[in-house]
C-alpha atoms as a PDB file:
ATOM      1  CA  MET A   1      90.996  96.510  96.083  1.00  0.00           C
ATOM      2  CA  THR A   2      92.242  97.610  99.481  1.00  0.00           C
ATOM      3  CA  LEU A   3      93.186  95.301 102.318  1.00  0.00           C
ATOM      4  CA  THR A   4      91.147  94.835 105.488  1.00  0.00           C
ATOM      5  CA  ARG A   5      91.936  93.136 108.804  1.00  0.00           C
ATOM      6  CA  SER A   6      90.233  89.988 107.537  1.00  0.00           C
ATOM      7  CA  ASP A   7      92.936  89.716 104.827  1.00  0.00           C
ATOM      8  CA  LEU A   8      95.681  89.494 107.431  1.00  0.00           C
ATOM      9  CA  TRP A   9      96.919  86.586 109.512  1.00  0.00           C
ATOM     10  CA  SER A  10      97.362  86.729 113.258  1.00  0.00           C
ATOM     11  CA  LEU A  11     100.956  86.978 114.473  1.00  0.00           C
ATOM     12  CA  GLU A  12     100.954  83.264 115.341  1.00  0.00           C
ATOM     13  CA  GLU A  13      99.540  82.191 111.995  1.00  0.00           C
ATOM     14  CA  TYR A  14     101.904  84.474 110.118  1.00  0.00           C
ATOM     15  CA  ALA A  15     104.857  82.962 111.964  1.00  0.00           C
ATOM     16  CA  SER A  16     103.923  79.540 110.602  1.00  0.00           C
ATOM     17  CA  ARG A  17     103.263  80.817 107.055  1.00  0.00           C
ATOM     18  CA  ARG A  18     106.007  83.440 106.807  1.00  0.00           C
ATOM     19  CA  GLN A  19     108.691  81.410 105.035  1.00  0.00           C
ATOM     20  CA  ALA A  20     106.409  80.206 102.222  1.00  0.00           C
ATOM     21  CA  PHE A  21     104.675  83.582 101.913  1.00  0.00           C
ATOM     22  CA  ARG A  22     108.012  85.411 101.776  1.00  0.00           C
ATOM     23  CA  ALA A  23     109.222  83.119  98.955  1.00  0.00           C
ATOM     24  CA  GLU A  24     105.980  83.769  97.042  1.00  0.00           C
ATOM     25  CA  VAL A  25     106.344  87.536  97.411  1.00  0.00           C
ATOM     26  CA  ILE A  26     110.021  87.550  96.402  1.00  0.00           C
ATOM     27  CA  ALA A  27     109.184  85.648  93.211  1.00  0.00           C
ATOM     28  CA  HIS A  28     106.240  88.003  92.571  1.00  0.00           C
ATOM     29  CA  LYS A  29     108.396  91.119  93.046  1.00  0.00           C
ATOM     30  CA  LYS A  30     111.034  90.021  90.524  1.00  0.00           C
ATOM     31  CA  LEU A  31     108.687  90.886  87.670  1.00  0.00           C
ATOM     32  CA  ARG A  32     107.640  94.166  89.307  1.00  0.00           C
ATOM     33  CA  ASN A  33     111.076  95.749  89.779  1.00  0.00           C
ATOM     34  CA  ILE A  34     112.126  97.841  86.783  1.00  0.00           C
ATOM     35  CA  ALA A  35     115.715  99.099  86.692  1.00  0.00           C
ATOM     36  CA  LEU A  36     116.028 102.556  85.162  1.00  0.00           C
ATOM     37  CA  GLY A  37     119.793 102.319  84.893  1.00  0.00           C
ATOM     38  CA  PRO A  38     122.408 101.181  87.384  1.00  0.00           C
ATOM     39  CA  HIS A  39     121.323 103.451  90.259  1.00  0.00           C
ATOM     40  CA  ALA A  40     117.555 103.885  89.946  1.00  0.00           C
ATOM     41  CA  THR A  41     114.781 101.326  90.281  1.00  0.00           C
ATOM     42  CA  LEU A  42     110.992 101.446  90.278  1.00  0.00           C
ATOM     43  CA  TYR A  43     109.458  98.902  92.654  1.00  0.00           C
ATOM     44  CA  PHE A  44     105.838  98.535  91.580  1.00  0.00           C
ATOM     45  CA  GLU A  45     103.494  97.829  94.470  1.00  0.00           C
ATOM     46  CA  ASP A  46     100.242  95.896  94.503  1.00  0.00           C
ATOM     47  CA  ARG A  47      97.893  94.188  96.918  1.00  0.00           C
ATOM     48  CA  LEU A  48     100.260  91.254  97.537  1.00  0.00           C
ATOM     49  CA  THR A  49     103.351  93.399  98.145  1.00  0.00           C
ATOM     50  CA  MET A  50     101.407  95.615 100.540  1.00  0.00           C
ATOM     51  CA  ARG A  51      99.953  92.632 102.370  1.00  0.00           C
ATOM     52  CA  TYR A  52     103.481  91.357 102.876  1.00  0.00           C
ATOM     53  CA  GLN A  53     104.674  94.784 104.042  1.00  0.00           C
ATOM     54  CA  ILE A  54     101.839  95.049 106.568  1.00  0.00           C
ATOM     55  CA  GLN A  55     102.359  91.490 107.842  1.00  0.00           C
ATOM     56  CA  GLU A  56     106.060  92.236 108.322  1.00  0.00           C
ATOM     57  CA  MET A  57     105.330  95.492 110.165  1.00  0.00           C
ATOM     58  CA  LEU A  58     102.866  93.753 112.456  1.00  0.00           C
ATOM     59  CA  ARG A  59     105.441  91.034 113.120  1.00  0.00           C
ATOM     60  CA  VAL A  60     108.392  93.361 113.785  1.00  0.00           C
ATOM     61  CA  GLU A  61     106.396  95.784 115.912  1.00  0.00           C
ATOM     62  CA  ARG A  62     104.406  92.993 117.621  1.00  0.00           C
ATOM     63  CA  ILE A  63     101.160  94.723 116.723  1.00  0.00           C
ATOM     64  CA  PHE A  64      97.986  92.834 117.531  1.00  0.00           C
ATOM     65  CA  GLU A  65      95.570  95.515 118.756  1.00  0.00           C
ATOM     66  CA  ALA A  66      92.744  96.215 116.283  1.00  0.00           C
ATOM     67  CA  ALA A  67      93.242 100.006 116.288  1.00  0.00           C
ATOM     68  CA  GLU A  68      96.965  99.693 115.566  1.00  0.00           C
ATOM     69  CA  ILE A  69      96.326  97.195 112.764  1.00  0.00           C
ATOM     70  CA  GLU A  70      93.873  99.678 111.234  1.00  0.00           C
ATOM     71  CA  GLU A  71      96.594 102.359 111.363  1.00  0.00           C
ATOM     72  CA  GLU A  72      98.925 100.107 109.366  1.00  0.00           C
ATOM     73  CA  LEU A  73      96.168  99.421 106.835  1.00  0.00           C
ATOM     74  CA  GLU A  74      95.531 103.172 106.493  1.00  0.00           C
ATOM     75  CA  SER A  75      99.253 103.754 105.891  1.00  0.00           C
ATOM     76  CA  TYR A  76      99.756 101.072 103.251  1.00  0.00           C
ATOM     77  CA  ASN A  77      96.417 100.819 101.409  1.00  0.00           C
ATOM     78  CA  PRO A  78      97.072 104.048  99.441  1.00  0.00           C
ATOM     79  CA  LEU A  79     100.031 102.263  97.790  1.00  0.00           C
ATOM     80  CA  ILE A  80      97.766  99.671  96.141  1.00  0.00           C
ATOM     81  CA  PRO A  81      96.891 100.533  92.510  1.00  0.00           C
ATOM     82  CA  ASP A  82      93.190 101.029  91.885  1.00  0.00           C
ATOM     83  CA  GLY A  83      92.742  99.938  88.281  1.00  0.00           C
ATOM     84  CA  SER A  84      93.749 103.034  86.313  1.00  0.00           C
ATOM     85  CA  ASN A  85      97.227 103.511  87.704  1.00  0.00           C
ATOM     86  CA  TRP A  86     100.483 102.023  88.822  1.00  0.00           C
ATOM     87  CA  LYS A  87     101.990 102.856  92.183  1.00  0.00           C
ATOM     88  CA  ALA A  88     105.686 102.480  92.768  1.00  0.00           C
ATOM     89  CA  THR A  89     108.495 103.169  95.156  1.00  0.00           C
ATOM     90  CA  PHE A  90     111.336 104.882  93.278  1.00  0.00           C
ATOM     91  CA  MET A  91     114.725 104.270  94.837  1.00  0.00           C
ATOM     92  CA  ILE A  92     118.065 105.826  94.046  1.00  0.00           C
ATOM     93  CA  GLU A  93     120.586 103.212  95.087  1.00  0.00           C
ATOM     94  CA  TYR A  94     124.344 103.395  95.501  1.00  0.00           C
ATOM     95  CA  GLY A  95     126.349 100.769  97.398  1.00  0.00           C
ATOM     96  CA  ASP A  96     128.689 103.369  98.862  1.00  0.00           C
ATOM     97  CA  VAL A  97     127.171 105.858 101.332  1.00  0.00           C
ATOM     98  CA  GLU A  98     129.508 108.708 100.366  1.00  0.00           C
ATOM     99  CA  GLU A  99     128.952 108.163  96.651  1.00  0.00           C
ATOM    100  CA  ARG A 100     125.175 108.219  97.232  1.00  0.00           C
ATOM    101  CA  LYS A 101     125.418 111.419  99.272  1.00  0.00           C
ATOM    102  CA  VAL A 102     127.390 113.178  96.512  1.00  0.00           C
ATOM    103  CA  ALA A 103     125.052 111.903  93.774  1.00  0.00           C
ATOM    104  CA  LEU A 104     121.856 112.881  95.617  1.00  0.00           C
ATOM    105  CA  ALA A 105     123.204 116.412  96.042  1.00  0.00           C
ATOM    106  CA  THR A 106     122.964 116.842  92.247  1.00  0.00           C
ATOM    107  CA  MET A 107     119.567 115.218  91.726  1.00  0.00           C
ATOM    108  CA  GLY A 108     117.090 117.770  93.036  1.00  0.00           C
ATOM    109  CA  GLY A 109     113.731 117.312  91.295  1.00  0.00           C
ATOM    110  CA  ILE A 110     114.610 113.946  89.754  1.00  0.00           C
ATOM    111  CA  GLU A 111     111.302 112.515  90.940  1.00  0.00           C
ATOM    112  CA  GLN A 112     109.465 114.966  88.662  1.00  0.00           C
ATOM    113  CA  THR A 113     111.245 113.562  85.593  1.00  0.00           C
ATOM    114  CA  VAL A 114     110.323 109.857  85.889  1.00  0.00           C
ATOM    115  CA  TRP A 115     107.790 108.677  83.304  1.00  0.00           C
ATOM    116  CA  VAL A 116     106.106 105.760  81.568  1.00  0.00           C
ATOM    117  CA  ARG A 117     105.039 105.679  77.918  1.00  0.00           C
ATOM    118  CA  VAL A 118     102.809 103.277  76.022  1.00  0.00           C
ATOM    119  CA  GLY A 119     104.202 102.553  72.562  1.00  0.00           C
ATOM    120  CA  GLU A 120     106.999 104.140  70.564  1.00  0.00           C
ATOM    121  CA  SER A 121     105.100 107.347  69.856  1.00  0.00           C
ATOM    122  CA  GLY A 122     102.851 107.654  72.933  1.00  0.00           C
ATOM    123  CA  GLU A 123     102.847 110.594  75.303  1.00  0.00           C
ATOM    124  CA  LYS A 124     105.046 110.417  78.381  1.00  0.00           C
ATOM    125  CA  ILE A 125     103.018 109.995  81.546  1.00  0.00           C
ATOM    126  CA  PHE A 126     105.006 111.680  84.300  1.00  0.00           C
ATOM    127  CA  ALA A 127     104.761 110.403  87.847  1.00  0.00           C
ATOM    128  CA  ILE A 128     102.640 112.119  90.436  1.00  0.00           C
ATOM    129  CA  THR A 129     105.114 112.074  93.296  1.00  0.00           C
ATOM    130  CA  ASN A 130     105.343 112.093  97.050  1.00  0.00           C
ATOM    131  CA  GLU A 131     101.700 112.760  97.756  1.00  0.00           C
ATOM    132  CA  ASP A 132     102.412 112.017 101.403  1.00  0.00           C
ATOM    133  CA  MET A 133     105.184 114.637 101.829  1.00  0.00           C
ATOM    134  CA  GLU A 134     107.795 116.701  99.984  1.00  0.00           C
ATOM    135  CA  ARG A 135     111.101 114.850  99.739  1.00  0.00           C
ATOM    136  CA  THR A 136     113.381 117.159  97.746  1.00  0.00           C
ATOM    137  CA  ARG A 137     115.085 120.028  99.512  1.00  0.00           C
ATOM    138  CA  ASP A 138     117.010 122.715  97.657  1.00  0.00           C
ATOM    139  CA  GLU A 139     119.012 120.828  95.031  1.00  0.00           C
ATOM    140  CA  LYS A 140     119.268 117.582  96.989  1.00  0.00           C
ATOM    141  CA  ALA A 141     117.015 114.616  96.269  1.00  0.00           C
ATOM    142  CA  ALA A 142     115.857 111.994  98.735  1.00  0.00           C
ATOM    143  CA  ALA A 143     116.838 108.397  97.988  1.00  0.00           C
ATOM    144  CA  VAL A 144     113.205 107.183  98.161  1.00  0.00           C
ATOM    145  CA  HIS A 145     110.116 108.603  96.446  1.00  0.00           C
ATOM    146  CA  PHE A 146     106.543 107.323  96.165  1.00  0.00           C
ATOM    147  CA  MET A 147     104.993 107.583  92.714  1.00  0.00           C
ATOM    148  CA  ARG A 148     101.683 107.149  90.958  1.00  0.00           C
ATOM    149  CA  PHE A 149     101.322 106.864  87.185  1.00  0.00           C
ATOM    150  CA  GLU A 150      97.769 107.592  85.972  1.00  0.00           C
ATOM    151  CA  LEU A 151      96.975 105.864  82.676  1.00  0.00           C
ATOM    152  CA  GLY A 152      94.138 106.808  80.356  1.00  0.00           C
ATOM    153  CA  ASP A 153      91.652 104.302  78.956  1.00  0.00           C
ATOM    154  CA  SER A 154      93.334 104.327  75.537  1.00  0.00           C
ATOM    155  CA  ASP A 155      96.756 103.601  77.068  1.00  0.00           C
ATOM    156  CA  ILE A 156      95.312 100.721  79.076  1.00  0.00           C
ATOM    157  CA  ALA A 157      93.581  99.314  75.983  1.00  0.00           C
ATOM    158  CA  SER A 158      96.784  99.631  73.941  1.00  0.00           C
ATOM    159  CA  LEU A 159      98.814  97.804  76.582  1.00  0.00           C
ATOM    160  CA  LYS A 160      96.248  95.015  76.780  1.00  0.00           C
ATOM    161  CA  SER A 161      96.357  94.645  73.005  1.00  0.00           C
ATOM    162  CA  GLY A 162     100.126  94.107  73.077  1.00  0.00           C
ATOM    163  CA  GLU A 163     101.609  97.595  72.734  1.00  0.00           C
ATOM    164  CA  SER A 164     105.141  98.010  74.097  1.00  0.00           C
ATOM    165  CA  LEU A 165     105.888  99.835  77.346  1.00  0.00           C
ATOM    166  CA  PHE A 166     108.754 102.213  78.018  1.00  0.00           C
ATOM    167  CA  MET A 167     109.941 103.901  81.194  1.00  0.00           C
ATOM    168  CA  GLY A 168     112.559 106.524  81.728  1.00  0.00           C
ATOM    169  CA  ILE A 169     114.128 109.443  83.506  1.00  0.00           C
ATOM    170  CA  ASP A 170     114.643 112.851  81.884  1.00  0.00           C
ATOM    171  CA  HIS A 171     116.955 114.215  84.633  1.00  0.00           C
ATOM    172  CA  GLY A 172     120.486 115.128  83.549  1.00  0.00           C
ATOM    173  CA  SER A 173     122.121 113.075  86.309  1.00  0.00           C
ATOM    174  CA  LEU A 174     120.490 109.729  85.413  1.00  0.00           C
ATOM    175  CA  PRO A 175     118.879 110.060  81.969  1.00  0.00           C
ATOM    176  CA  GLY A 176     117.639 107.050  80.091  1.00  0.00           C
ATOM    177  CA  ILE A 177     114.841 105.264  78.256  1.00  0.00           C
ATOM    178  CA  TYR A 178     114.190 101.578  78.906  1.00  0.00           C
ATOM    179  CA  GLU A 179     111.825  99.158  77.209  1.00  0.00           C
ATOM    180  CA  VAL A 180     110.003  96.998  79.737  1.00  0.00           C
ATOM    181  CA  ALA A 181     110.452  93.253  79.168  1.00  0.00           C
ATOM    182  CA  ALA A 182     107.373  91.313  78.040  1.00  0.00           C
ATOM    183  CA  ASP A 183     107.004  89.305  81.282  1.00  0.00           C
ATOM    184  CA  GLN A 184     107.306  92.459  83.397  1.00  0.00           C
ATOM    185  CA  ARG A 185     104.818  94.278  81.172  1.00  0.00           C
ATOM    186  CA  THR A 186     102.360  91.404  81.630  1.00  0.00           C
ATOM    187  CA  ALA A 187     102.769  91.568  85.413  1.00  0.00           C
ATOM    188  CA  LEU A 188     102.051  95.303  85.431  1.00  0.00           C
ATOM    189  CA  ILE A 189      99.058  95.013  83.114  1.00  0.00           C
ATOM    190  CA  ALA A 190      97.448  92.791  85.769  1.00  0.00           C
ATOM    191  CA  ASP A 191      97.112  95.939  87.932  1.00  0.00           C
ATOM    192  CA  LEU A 192      94.908  97.653  85.353  1.00  0.00           C
ATOM    193  CA  ALA A 193      91.140  97.256  85.141  1.00  0.00           C
END
């Protein structure tokens, strides 16, 4: 379900609620961040994380005009899952800027190799990536990609009945397969109808 202006607090009200709301969102996000190795993480978005993002943008930019608030809603609402999918921000993270620059130069197309799989023998569901814009140029990858994983009815039913969940990367620079922890799996299942 998308967000509307009525879901948002005014700048003044948000200022008084921000500390408690921020703590709630940080706790919520802990179960929604899946590390795919030491340098790659999927940050799964939902209605709460997007509400927080919009509130923060309104606060930082001092936006209070209705038309500008609608623009923020239009920008962030597409990142809310709609019942048959997960939406995530995929980040390639290195603490050292030079190390990141060198690594990204070898990761062209990495976003096309990120997947989820329901069960040990299920089919890999590859991410639909960067629907807003192309982010890979030549052989160099961007550090941030937006992803959508479309799940079929049988995958959703299997997850809800307790099937395991795996995620991974098939790119030569950061390959790996990771089983999602039970509490994280439960948090992600909440996004599915």
